Amino acid sequence: VRDPETVHGFYNARREGLLDPAIQPNAAHEALARLEQAWPTEVLLVT
């Protein structure tokens, strides 16, 4: 409310960083996806 431009700028920078092609899932992210696909009962991932 006080300074929306500063807040937008902060998250724009975070978003731009996240979308950098160098930022990719690592082996831990991939292992959790593999668990969900292979597990026969419910797997809920909360992040």
All heavy atoms as atom14 arrays in JSON, in Angstrom:
{
  "sequence": "VRDPETVHGFYNARREGLLDPAIQPNAAHEALARLEQAWPTEVLLVT",
  "atom14_mask": [
    [1, 1, 1, 1, 1, 1, 1, 0, 0, 0, 0, 0, 0, 0],
    [1, 1, 1, 1, 1, 1, 1, 1, 1, 1, 1, 0, 0, 0],
    [1, 1, 1, 1, 1, 1, 1, 1, 0, 0, 0, 0, 0, 0],
    [1, 1, 1, 1, 1, 1, 1, 0, 0, 0, 0, 0, 0, 0],
    [1, 1, 1, 1, 1, 1, 1, 1, 1, 0, 0, 0, 0, 0],
    [1, 1, 1, 1, 1, 1, 1, 0, 0, 0, 0, 0, 0, 0],
    [1, 1, 1, 1, 1, 1, 1, 0, 0, 0, 0, 0, 0, 0],
    [1, 1, 1, 1, 1, 1, 1, 1, 1, 1, 0, 0, 0, 0],
    [1, 1, 1, 1, 0, 0, 0, 0, 0, 0, 0, 0, 0, 0],
    [1, 1, 1, 1, 1, 1, 1, 1, 1, 1, 1, 0, 0, 0],
    [1, 1, 1, 1, 1, 1, 1, 1, 1, 1, 1, 1, 0, 0],
    [1, 1, 1, 1, 1, 1, 1, 1, 0, 0, 0, 0, 0, 0],
    [1, 1, 1, 1, 1, 0, 0, 0, 0, 0, 0, 0, 0, 0],
    [1, 1, 1, 1, 1, 1, 1, 1, 1, 1, 1, 0, 0, 0],
    [1, 1, 1, 1, 1, 1, 1, 1, 1, 1, 1, 0, 0, 0],
    [1, 1, 1, 1, 1, 1, 1, 1, 1, 0, 0, 0, 0, 0],
    [1, 1, 1, 1, 0, 0, 0, 0, 0, 0, 0, 0, 0, 0],
    [1, 1, 1, 1, 1, 1, 1, 1, 0, 0, 0, 0, 0, 0],
    [1, 1, 1, 1, 1, 1, 1, 1, 0, 0, 0, 0, 0, 0],
    [1, 1, 1, 1, 1, 1, 1, 1, 0, 0, 0, 0, 0, 0],
    [1, 1, 1, 1, 1, 1, 1, 0, 0, 0, 0, 0, 0, 0],
    [1, 1, 1, 1, 1, 0, 0, 0, 0, 0, 0, 0, 0, 0],
    [1, 1, 1, 1, 1, 1, 1, 1, 0, 0, 0, 0, 0, 0],
    [1, 1, 1, 1, 1, 1, 1, 1, 1, 0, 0, 0, 0, 0],
    [1, 1, 1, 1, 1, 1, 1, 0, 0, 0, 0, 0, 0, 0],
    [1, 1, 1, 1, 1, 1, 1, 1, 0, 0, 0, 0, 0, 0],
    [1, 1, 1, 1, 1, 0, 0, 0, 0, 0, 0, 0, 0, 0],
    [1, 1, 1, 1, 1, 0, 0, 0, 0, 0, 0, 0, 0, 0],
    [1, 1, 1, 1, 1, 1, 1, 1, 1, 1, 0, 0, 0, 0],
    [1, 1, 1, 1, 1, 1, 1, 1, 1, 0, 0, 0, 0, 0],
    [1, 1, 1, 1, 1, 0, 0, 0, 0, 0, 0, 0, 0, 0],
    [1, 1, 1, 1, 1, 1, 1, 1, 0, 0, 0, 0, 0, 0],
    [1, 1, 1, 1, 1, 0, 0, 0, 0, 0, 0, 0, 0, 0],
    [1, 1, 1, 1, 1, 1, 1, 1, 1, 1, 1, 0, 0, 0],
    [1, 1, 1, 1, 1, 1, 1, 1, 0, 0, 0, 0, 0, 0],
    [1, 1, 1, 1, 1, 1, 1, 1, 1, 0, 0, 0, 0, 0],
    [1, 1, 1, 1, 1, 1, 1, 1, 1, 0, 0, 0, 0, 0],
    [1, 1, 1, 1, 1, 0, 0, 0, 0, 0, 0, 0, 0, 0],
    [1, 1, 1, 1, 1, 1, 1, 1, 1, 1, 1, 1, 1, 1],
    [1, 1, 1, 1, 1, 1, 1, 0, 0, 0, 0, 0, 0, 0],
    [1, 1, 1, 1, 1, 1, 1, 0, 0, 0, 0, 0, 0, 0],
    [1, 1, 1, 1, 1, 1, 1, 1, 1, 0, 0, 0, 0, 0],
    [1, 1, 1, 1, 1, 1, 1, 0, 0, 0, 0, 0, 0, 0],
    [1, 1, 1, 1, 1, 1, 1, 1, 0, 0, 0, 0, 0, 0],
    [1, 1, 1, 1, 1, 1, 1, 1, 0, 0, 0, 0, 0, 0],
    [1, 1, 1, 1, 1, 1, 1, 0, 0, 0, 0, 0, 0, 0],
    [1, 1, 1, 1, 1, 1, 1, 0, 0, 0, 0, 0, 0, 0]
  ],
  "atom14_positions": [
    [[0.84, -1.2, 0.0], [0.0, 0.0, 0.0], [0.87, 1.25, 0.0], [0.62, 2.22, -0.73], [-0.95, 0.0, 1.23], [-1.65, 1.35, 1.37], [-1.96, -1.12, 1.11], [0.0, 0.0, 0.0], [0.0, 0.0, 0.0], [0.0, 0.0, 0.0], [0.0, 0.0, 0.0], [0.0, 0.0, 0.0], [0.0, 0.0, 0.0], [0.0, 0.0, 0.0]],
    [[1.93, 1.21, 0.78], [2.8, 2.38, 0.94], [3.68, 2.65, -0.28], [3.86, 3.78, -0.7], [3.68, 2.16, 2.18], [4.6, 3.33, 2.53], [5.32, 3.07, 3.84], [6.19, 1.9, 3.8], [5.96, 0.77, 4.46], [4.88, 0.65, 5.23], [6.8, -0.24, 4.38], [0.0, 0.0, 0.0], [0.0, 0.0, 0.0], [0.0, 0.0, 0.0]],
    [[4.23, 1.59, -0.86], [5.2, 1.77, -1.96], [5.11, 0.59, -2.92], [6.01, -0.24, -2.98], [6.61, 1.88, -1.37], [7.65, 2.32, -2.39], [7.3, 2.45, -3.58], [8.81, 2.51, -2.0], [0.0, 0.0, 0.0], [0.0, 0.0, 0.0], [0.0, 0.0, 0.0], [0.0, 0.0, 0.0], [0.0, 0.0, 0.0], [0.0, 0.0, 0.0]],
    [[4.03, 0.52, -3.7], [3.86, -0.64, -4.58], [4.96, -0.77, -5.63], [5.3, -1.89, -6.03], [2.49, -0.39, -5.24], [2.25, 1.08, -5.09], [2.92, 1.47, -3.8], [0.0, 0.0, 0.0], [0.0, 0.0, 0.0], [0.0, 0.0, 0.0], [0.0, 0.0, 0.0], [0.0, 0.0, 0.0], [0.0, 0.0, 0.0], [0.0, 0.0, 0.0]],
    [[5.54, 0.33, -6.08], [6.59, 0.23, -7.1], [7.82, -0.51, -6.57], [8.42, -1.32, -7.28], [6.98, 1.63, -7.58], [5.87, 2.31, -8.4], [6.29, 3.67, -8.91], [7.31, 4.21, -8.41], [5.62, 4.18, -9.82], [0.0, 0.0, 0.0], [0.0, 0.0, 0.0], [0.0, 0.0, 0.0], [0.0, 0.0, 0.0], [0.0, 0.0, 0.0]],
    [[8.19, -0.22, -5.31], [9.33, -0.93, -4.72], [9.02, -2.41, -4.56], [9.88, -3.27, -4.84], [9.69, -0.31, -3.36], [10.19, 1.01, -3.57], [10.75, -1.13, -2.64], [0.0, 0.0, 0.0], [0.0, 0.0, 0.0], [0.0, 0.0, 0.0], [0.0, 0.0, 0.0], [0.0, 0.0, 0.0], [0.0, 0.0, 0.0], [0.0, 0.0, 0.0]],
    [[7.82, -2.73, -4.12], [7.44, -4.13, -3.95], [7.44, -4.84, -5.3], [7.99, -5.95, -5.43], [6.07, -4.24, -3.26], [5.62, -5.7, -3.19], [6.14, -3.65, -1.85], [0.0, 0.0, 0.0], [0.0, 0.0, 0.0], [0.0, 0.0, 0.0], [0.0, 0.0, 0.0], [0.0, 0.0, 0.0], [0.0, 0.0, 0.0], [0.0, 0.0, 0.0]],
    [[6.86, -4.23, -6.31], [6.87, -4.84, -7.64], [8.31, -5.06, -8.11], [8.64, -6.11, -8.66], [6.14, -3.94, -8.64], [4.66, -4.07, -8.62], [4.02, -5.28, -8.57], [3.68, -3.11, -8.67], [2.7, -5.08, -8.57], [2.47, -3.78, -8.64], [0.0, 0.0, 0.0], [0.0, 0.0, 0.0], [0.0, 0.0, 0.0], [0.0, 0.0, 0.0]],
    [[9.16, -4.07, -7.91], [10.54, -4.19, -8.35], [11.27, -5.35, -7.69], [12.04, -6.07, -8.34], [0.0, 0.0, 0.0], [0.0, 0.0, 0.0], [0.0, 0.0, 0.0], [0.0, 0.0, 0.0], [0.0, 0.0, 0.0], [0.0, 0.0, 0.0], [0.0, 0.0, 0.0], [0.0, 0.0, 0.0], [0.0, 0.0, 0.0], [0.0, 0.0, 0.0]],
    [[11.02, -5.53, -6.4], [11.65, -6.62, -5.66], [11.25, -7.97, -6.24], [12.11, -8.83, -6.51], [11.27, -6.53, -4.19], [11.76, -7.67, -3.34], [13.08, -7.71, -2.92], [10.91, -8.7, -2.98], [13.54, -8.77, -2.14], [11.36, -9.76, -2.2], [12.68, -9.78, -1.78], [0.0, 0.0, 0.0], [0.0, 0.0, 0.0], [0.0, 0.0, 0.0]],
    [[9.96, -8.19, -6.44], [9.5, -9.48, -6.95], [9.77, -9.65, -8.44], [9.96, -10.79, -8.9], [8.03, -9.69, -6.6], [7.85, -9.95, -5.12], [7.44, -8.94, -4.26], [8.17, -11.2, -4.58], [7.33, -9.16, -2.9], [8.05, -11.43, -3.22], [7.63, -10.41, -2.38], [7.54, -10.64, -1.03], [0.0, 0.0, 0.0], [0.0, 0.0, 0.0]],
    [[9.81, -8.58, -9.18], [10.22, -8.69, -10.59], [11.64, -9.23, -10.68], [11.95, -10.07, -11.54], [10.14, -7.32, -11.28], [8.71, -6.9, -11.57], [7.8, -7.73, -11.63], [8.5, -5.6, -11.74], [0.0, 0.0, 0.0], [0.0, 0.0, 0.0], [0.0, 0.0, 0.0], [0.0, 0.0, 0.0], [0.0, 0.0, 0.0], [0.0, 0.0, 0.0]],
    [[12.51, -8.74, -9.81], [13.9, -9.22, -9.8], [13.96, -10.69, -9.4], [14.72, -11.48, -9.98], [14.75, -8.37, -8.87], [0.0, 0.0, 0.0], [0.0, 0.0, 0.0], [0.0, 0.0, 0.0], [0.0, 0.0, 0.0], [0.0, 0.0, 0.0], [0.0, 0.0, 0.0], [0.0, 0.0, 0.0], [0.0, 0.0, 0.0], [0.0, 0.0, 0.0]],
    [[13.17, -11.09, -8.4], [13.14, -12.5, -8.0], [12.63, -13.37, -9.15], [13.16, -14.45, -9.41], [12.22, -12.69, -6.78], [12.52, -11.84, -5.57], [13.62, -12.39, -4.71], [14.94, -12.14, -5.23], [15.53, -10.93, -5.23], [14.92, -9.86, -4.76], [16.74, -10.79, -5.71], [0.0, 0.0, 0.0], [0.0, 0.0, 0.0], [0.0, 0.0, 0.0]],
    [[11.59, -12.9, -9.83], [11.01, -13.67, -10.93], [12.0, -13.8, -12.09], [12.17, -14.87, -12.68], [9.71, -13.02, -11.4], [8.88, -13.87, -12.35], [7.62, -13.15, -12.79], [6.8, -12.75, -11.66], [6.67, -11.48, -11.24], [7.31, -10.49, -11.85], [5.9, -11.2, -10.21], [0.0, 0.0, 0.0], [0.0, 0.0, 0.0], [0.0, 0.0, 0.0]],
    [[12.65, -12.71, -12.41], [13.64, -12.74, -13.48], [14.76, -13.72, -13.16], [15.23, -14.48, -14.02], [14.21, -11.34, -13.71], [15.22, -11.26, -14.84], [15.78, -9.86, -15.03], [15.44, -8.96, -14.21], [16.55, -9.66, -15.98], [0.0, 0.0, 0.0], [0.0, 0.0, 0.0], [0.0, 0.0, 0.0], [0.0, 0.0, 0.0], [0.0, 0.0, 0.0]],
    [[15.18, -13.74, -11.9], [16.22, -14.68, -11.5], [15.76, -16.12, -11.62], [16.51, -16.99, -12.08], [0.0, 0.0, 0.0], [0.0, 0.0, 0.0], [0.0, 0.0, 0.0], [0.0, 0.0, 0.0], [0.0, 0.0, 0.0], [0.0, 0.0, 0.0], [0.0, 0.0, 0.0], [0.0, 0.0, 0.0], [0.0, 0.0, 0.0], [0.0, 0.0, 0.0]],
    [[14.53, -16.39, -11.2], [13.99, -17.74, -11.28], [13.91, -18.23, -12.72], [14.13, -19.41, -13.01], [12.61, -17.79, -10.63], [11.81, -19.09, -10.76], [12.56, -20.25, -10.12], [10.42, -18.93, -10.13], [0.0, 0.0, 0.0], [0.0, 0.0, 0.0], [0.0, 0.0, 0.0], [0.0, 0.0, 0.0], [0.0, 0.0, 0.0], [0.0, 0.0, 0.0]],
    [[13.58, -17.33, -13.64], [13.39, -17.7, -15.04], [14.68, -17.7, -15.85], [14.66, -17.97, -17.05], [12.36, -16.76, -15.68], [10.96, -16.83, -15.06], [10.02, -15.84, -15.71], [10.39, -18.25, -15.14], [0.0, 0.0, 0.0], [0.0, 0.0, 0.0], [0.0, 0.0, 0.0], [0.0, 0.0, 0.0], [0.0, 0.0, 0.0], [0.0, 0.0, 0.0]],
    [[15.79, -17.39, -15.2], [17.09, -17.52, -15.86], [17.28, -18.98, -16.3], [17.07, -19.9, -15.5], [18.19, -17.12, -14.87], [19.58, -17.1, -15.49], [19.9, -17.97, -16.31], [20.37, -16.21, -15.11], [0.0, 0.0, 0.0], [0.0, 0.0, 0.0], [0.0, 0.0, 0.0], [0.0, 0.0, 0.0], [0.0, 0.0, 0.0], [0.0, 0.0, 0.0]],
    [[17.64, -19.22, -17.54], [17.8, -20.6, -18.01], [18.79, -21.43, -17.18], [18.73, -22.67, -17.2], [18.3, -20.43, -19.45], [17.81, -19.09, -19.87], [17.85, -18.24, -18.64], [0.0, 0.0, 0.0], [0.0, 0.0, 0.0], [0.0, 0.0, 0.0], [0.0, 0.0, 0.0], [0.0, 0.0, 0.0], [0.0, 0.0, 0.0], [0.0, 0.0, 0.0]],
    [[19.67, -20.77, -16.46], [20.64, -21.49, -15.63], [20.0, -22.11, -14.4], [20.57, -23.02, -13.78], [21.77, -20.56, -15.21], [0.0, 0.0, 0.0], [0.0, 0.0, 0.0], [0.0, 0.0, 0.0], [0.0, 0.0, 0.0], [0.0, 0.0, 0.0], [0.0, 0.0, 0.0], [0.0, 0.0, 0.0], [0.0, 0.0, 0.0], [0.0, 0.0, 0.0]],
    [[18.83, -21.64, -14.0], [18.14, -22.14, -12.81], [17.26, -23.32, -13.22], [16.27, -23.14, -13.93], [17.31, -21.04, -12.14], [18.18, -19.84, -11.79], [16.6, -21.59, -10.91], [19.29, -20.13, -10.81], [0.0, 0.0, 0.0], [0.0, 0.0, 0.0], [0.0, 0.0, 0.0], [0.0, 0.0, 0.0], [0.0, 0.0, 0.0], [0.0, 0.0, 0.0]],
    [[17.63, -24.49, -12.77], [16.92, -25.71, -13.15], [16.71, -26.6, -11.93], [17.45, -26.5, -10.95], [17.72, -26.48, -14.21], [17.9, -25.75, -15.53], [16.59, -25.56, -16.28], [15.65, -26.35, -16.12], [16.51, -24.5, -17.09], [0.0, 0.0, 0.0], [0.0, 0.0, 0.0], [0.0, 0.0, 0.0], [0.0, 0.0, 0.0], [0.0, 0.0, 0.0]],
    [[15.72, -27.48, -11.96], [15.55, -28.44, -10.86], [16.82, -29.27, -10.68], [17.53, -29.55, -11.63], [14.39, -29.33, -11.33], [13.67, -28.52, -12.36], [14.71, -27.66, -13.02], [0.0, 0.0, 0.0], [0.0, 0.0, 0.0], [0.0, 0.0, 0.0], [0.0, 0.0, 0.0], [0.0, 0.0, 0.0], [0.0, 0.0, 0.0], [0.0, 0.0, 0.0]],
    [[17.08, -29.62, -9.42], [18.24, -30.45, -9.15], [17.8, -31.89, -8.84], [16.61, -32.24, -8.94], [19.09, -29.85, -8.02], [18.33, -29.73, -6.71], [17.79, -30.71, -6.2], [18.27, -28.52, -6.15], [0.0, 0.0, 0.0], [0.0, 0.0, 0.0], [0.0, 0.0, 0.0], [0.0, 0.0, 0.0], [0.0, 0.0, 0.0], [0.0, 0.0, 0.0]],
    [[18.76, -32.71, -8.48], [18.49, -34.14, -8.28], [17.47, -34.39, -7.17], [16.74, -35.39, -7.22], [19.79, -34.88, -7.97], [0.0, 0.0, 0.0], [0.0, 0.0, 0.0], [0.0, 0.0, 0.0], [0.0, 0.0, 0.0], [0.0, 0.0, 0.0], [0.0, 0.0, 0.0], [0.0, 0.0, 0.0], [0.0, 0.0, 0.0], [0.0, 0.0, 0.0]],
    [[17.39, -33.5, -6.18], [16.41, -33.68, -5.11], [14.99, -33.45, -5.62], [14.07, -34.23, -5.31], [16.72, -32.73, -3.96], [0.0, 0.0, 0.0], [0.0, 0.0, 0.0], [0.0, 0.0, 0.0], [0.0, 0.0, 0.0], [0.0, 0.0, 0.0], [0.0, 0.0, 0.0], [0.0, 0.0, 0.0], [0.0, 0.0, 0.0], [0.0, 0.0, 0.0]],
    [[14.78, -32.38, -6.4], [13.46, -32.14, -7.01], [13.06, -33.34, -7.87], [11.91, -33.81, -7.82], [13.49, -30.9, -7.9], [13.75, -29.61, -7.2], [14.96, -28.98, -7.24], [12.94, -28.82, -6.45], [14.9, -27.86, -6.55], [13.69, -27.73, -6.06], [0.0, 0.0, 0.0], [0.0, 0.0, 0.0], [0.0, 0.0, 0.0], [0.0, 0.0, 0.0]],
    [[14.0, -33.82, -8.66], [13.7, -34.92, -9.57], [13.38, -36.21, -8.82], [12.49, -36.97, -9.22], [14.88, -35.12, -10.53], [15.06, -33.95, -11.48], [16.41, -33.94, -12.18], [17.26, -34.79, -11.83], [16.62, -33.07, -13.06], [0.0, 0.0, 0.0], [0.0, 0.0, 0.0], [0.0, 0.0, 0.0], [0.0, 0.0, 0.0], [0.0, 0.0, 0.0]],
    [[14.07, -36.44, -7.7], [13.81, -37.65, -6.92], [12.4, -37.63, -6.32], [11.72, -38.66, -6.28], [14.86, -37.79, -5.82], [0.0, 0.0, 0.0], [0.0, 0.0, 0.0], [0.0, 0.0, 0.0], [0.0, 0.0, 0.0], [0.0, 0.0, 0.0], [0.0, 0.0, 0.0], [0.0, 0.0, 0.0], [0.0, 0.0, 0.0], [0.0, 0.0, 0.0]],
    [[11.95, -36.47, -5.88], [10.6, -36.37, -5.3], [9.54, -36.59, -6.37], [8.5, -37.21, -6.1], [10.42, -35.02, -4.61], [11.32, -34.79, -3.39], [11.06, -33.42, -2.8], [11.09, -35.87, -2.33], [0.0, 0.0, 0.0], [0.0, 0.0, 0.0], [0.0, 0.0, 0.0], [0.0, 0.0, 0.0], [0.0, 0.0, 0.0], [0.0, 0.0, 0.0]],
    [[9.77, -36.08, -7.57], [8.83, -36.33, -8.66], [8.79, -37.82, -9.0], [7.71, -38.39, -9.26], [9.23, -35.51, -9.88], [0.0, 0.0, 0.0], [0.0, 0.0, 0.0], [0.0, 0.0, 0.0], [0.0, 0.0, 0.0], [0.0, 0.0, 0.0], [0.0, 0.0, 0.0], [0.0, 0.0, 0.0], [0.0, 0.0, 0.0], [0.0, 0.0, 0.0]],
    [[9.94, -38.45, -8.97], [10.03, -39.88, -9.26], [9.29, -40.69, -8.19], [8.59, -41.67, -8.52], [11.51, -40.28, -9.32], [11.78, -41.72, -9.67], [13.21, -41.88, -10.18], [14.18, -41.19, -9.33], [14.76, -41.73, -8.28], [14.44, -42.95, -7.89], [15.66, -41.05, -7.58], [0.0, 0.0, 0.0], [0.0, 0.0, 0.0], [0.0, 0.0, 0.0]],
    [[9.4, -40.27, -6.93], [8.68, -40.95, -5.86], [7.18, -40.86, -6.07], [6.46, -41.86, -5.96], [9.05, -40.32, -4.51], [8.27, -40.83, -3.3], [8.6, -42.28, -3.01], [8.56, -39.96, -2.08], [0.0, 0.0, 0.0], [0.0, 0.0, 0.0], [0.0, 0.0, 0.0], [0.0, 0.0, 0.0], [0.0, 0.0, 0.0], [0.0, 0.0, 0.0]],
    [[6.7, -39.66, -6.39], [5.26, -39.49, -6.59], [4.76, -40.4, -7.72], [3.68, -41.0, -7.61], [4.96, -38.03, -6.94], [3.49, -37.75, -7.2], [3.25, -36.34, -7.7], [3.89, -35.4, -7.18], [2.41, -36.17, -8.61], [0.0, 0.0, 0.0], [0.0, 0.0, 0.0], [0.0, 0.0, 0.0], [0.0, 0.0, 0.0], [0.0, 0.0, 0.0]],
    [[5.51, -40.49, -8.8], [5.08, -41.28, -9.95], [5.09, -42.77, -9.66], [4.26, -43.52, -10.19], [5.98, -40.96, -11.14], [5.82, -39.54, -11.66], [7.01, -39.04, -12.46], [7.92, -39.82, -12.79], [7.04, -37.76, -12.78], [0.0, 0.0, 0.0], [0.0, 0.0, 0.0], [0.0, 0.0, 0.0], [0.0, 0.0, 0.0], [0.0, 0.0, 0.0]],
    [[6.02, -43.22, -8.81], [6.19, -44.66, -8.58], [5.44, -45.19, -7.37], [5.18, -46.39, -7.27], [7.68, -44.99, -8.43], [0.0, 0.0, 0.0], [0.0, 0.0, 0.0], [0.0, 0.0, 0.0], [0.0, 0.0, 0.0], [0.0, 0.0, 0.0], [0.0, 0.0, 0.0], [0.0, 0.0, 0.0], [0.0, 0.0, 0.0], [0.0, 0.0, 0.0]],
    [[5.08, -44.3, -6.42], [4.52, -44.76, -5.15], [3.07, -45.17, -5.31], [2.27, -44.47, -5.94], [4.64, -43.65, -4.12], [4.62, -44.13, -2.7], [3.65, -43.92, -1.77], [5.66, -44.88, -2.04], [3.99, -44.5, -0.58], [5.23, -45.1, -0.72], [6.89, -45.38, -2.45], [6.0, -45.81, 0.2], [7.67, -46.1, -1.54], [7.21, -46.3, -0.23]],
    [[2.67, -46.31, -4.74], [1.31, -46.82, -4.97], [0.23, -46.17, -4.12], [-0.96, -46.38, -4.37], [1.44, -48.31, -4.64], [2.57, -48.38, -3.66], [3.52, -47.3, -4.06], [0.0, 0.0, 0.0], [0.0, 0.0, 0.0], [0.0, 0.0, 0.0], [0.0, 0.0, 0.0], [0.0, 0.0, 0.0], [0.0, 0.0, 0.0], [0.0, 0.0, 0.0]],
    [[0.61, -45.42, -3.09], [-0.39, -44.72, -2.29], [-0.12, -43.22, -2.36], [0.74, -42.76, -3.1], [-0.37, -45.2, -0.82], [0.95, -45.01, -0.29], [-0.75, -46.66, -0.71], [0.0, 0.0, 0.0], [0.0, 0.0, 0.0], [0.0, 0.0, 0.0], [0.0, 0.0, 0.0], [0.0, 0.0, 0.0], [0.0, 0.0, 0.0], [0.0, 0.0, 0.0]],
    [[-0.87, -42.45, -1.58], [-0.84, -41.0, -1.71], [0.5, -40.39, -1.29], [1.06, -40.73, -0.24], [-1.96, -40.38, -0.87], [-2.05, -38.87, -1.01], [-3.24, -38.29, -0.27], [-4.06, -39.07, 0.26], [-3.34, -37.05, -0.21], [0.0, 0.0, 0.0], [0.0, 0.0, 0.0], [0.0, 0.0, 0.0], [0.0, 0.0, 0.0], [0.0, 0.0, 0.0]],
    [[1.01, -39.48, -2.11], [2.17, -38.66, -1.79], [1.75, -37.21, -1.98], [1.38, -36.8, -3.07], [3.37, -38.98, -2.7], [4.53, -38.03, -2.38], [3.81, -40.42, -2.56], [0.0, 0.0, 0.0], [0.0, 0.0, 0.0], [0.0, 0.0, 0.0], [0.0, 0.0, 0.0], [0.0, 0.0, 0.0], [0.0, 0.0, 0.0], [0.0, 0.0, 0.0]],
    [[1.81, -36.43, -0.91], [1.5, -35.01, -0.98], [2.77, -34.22, -0.7], [3.41, -34.41, 0.33], [0.42, -34.62, 0.04], [0.13, -33.11, 0.12], [-0.46, -32.59, -1.19], [-0.81, -32.79, 1.29], [0.0, 0.0, 0.0], [0.0, 0.0, 0.0], [0.0, 0.0, 0.0], [0.0, 0.0, 0.0], [0.0, 0.0, 0.0], [0.0, 0.0, 0.0]],
    [[3.11, -33.34, -1.62], [4.28, -32.48, -1.47], [3.8, -31.09, -1.09], [3.04, -30.45, -1.83], [5.07, -32.44, -2.77], [6.29, -31.54, -2.86], [7.28, -31.84, -1.75], [6.95, -31.7, -4.22], [0.0, 0.0, 0.0], [0.0, 0.0, 0.0], [0.0, 0.0, 0.0], [0.0, 0.0, 0.0], [0.0, 0.0, 0.0], [0.0, 0.0, 0.0]],
    [[4.22, -30.61, 0.08], [3.9, -29.27, 0.56], [5.2, -28.47, 0.54], [6.19, -28.88, 1.14], [3.33, -29.31, 1.99], [3.04, -27.89, 2.48], [2.08, -30.17, 2.05], [0.0, 0.0, 0.0], [0.0, 0.0, 0.0], [0.0, 0.0, 0.0], [0.0, 0.0, 0.0], [0.0, 0.0, 0.0], [0.0, 0.0, 0.0], [0.0, 0.0, 0.0]],
    [[5.21, -27.35, -0.15], [6.44, -26.57, -0.21], [6.24, -25.17, 0.35], [5.19, -24.55, 0.16], [7.01, -26.49, -1.64], [8.28, -25.84, -1.61], [6.07, -25.74, -2.58], [0.0, 0.0, 0.0], [0.0, 0.0, 0.0], [0.0, 0.0, 0.0], [0.0, 0.0, 0.0], [0.0, 0.0, 0.0], [0.0, 0.0, 0.0], [0.0, 0.0, 0.0]]
  ]
}
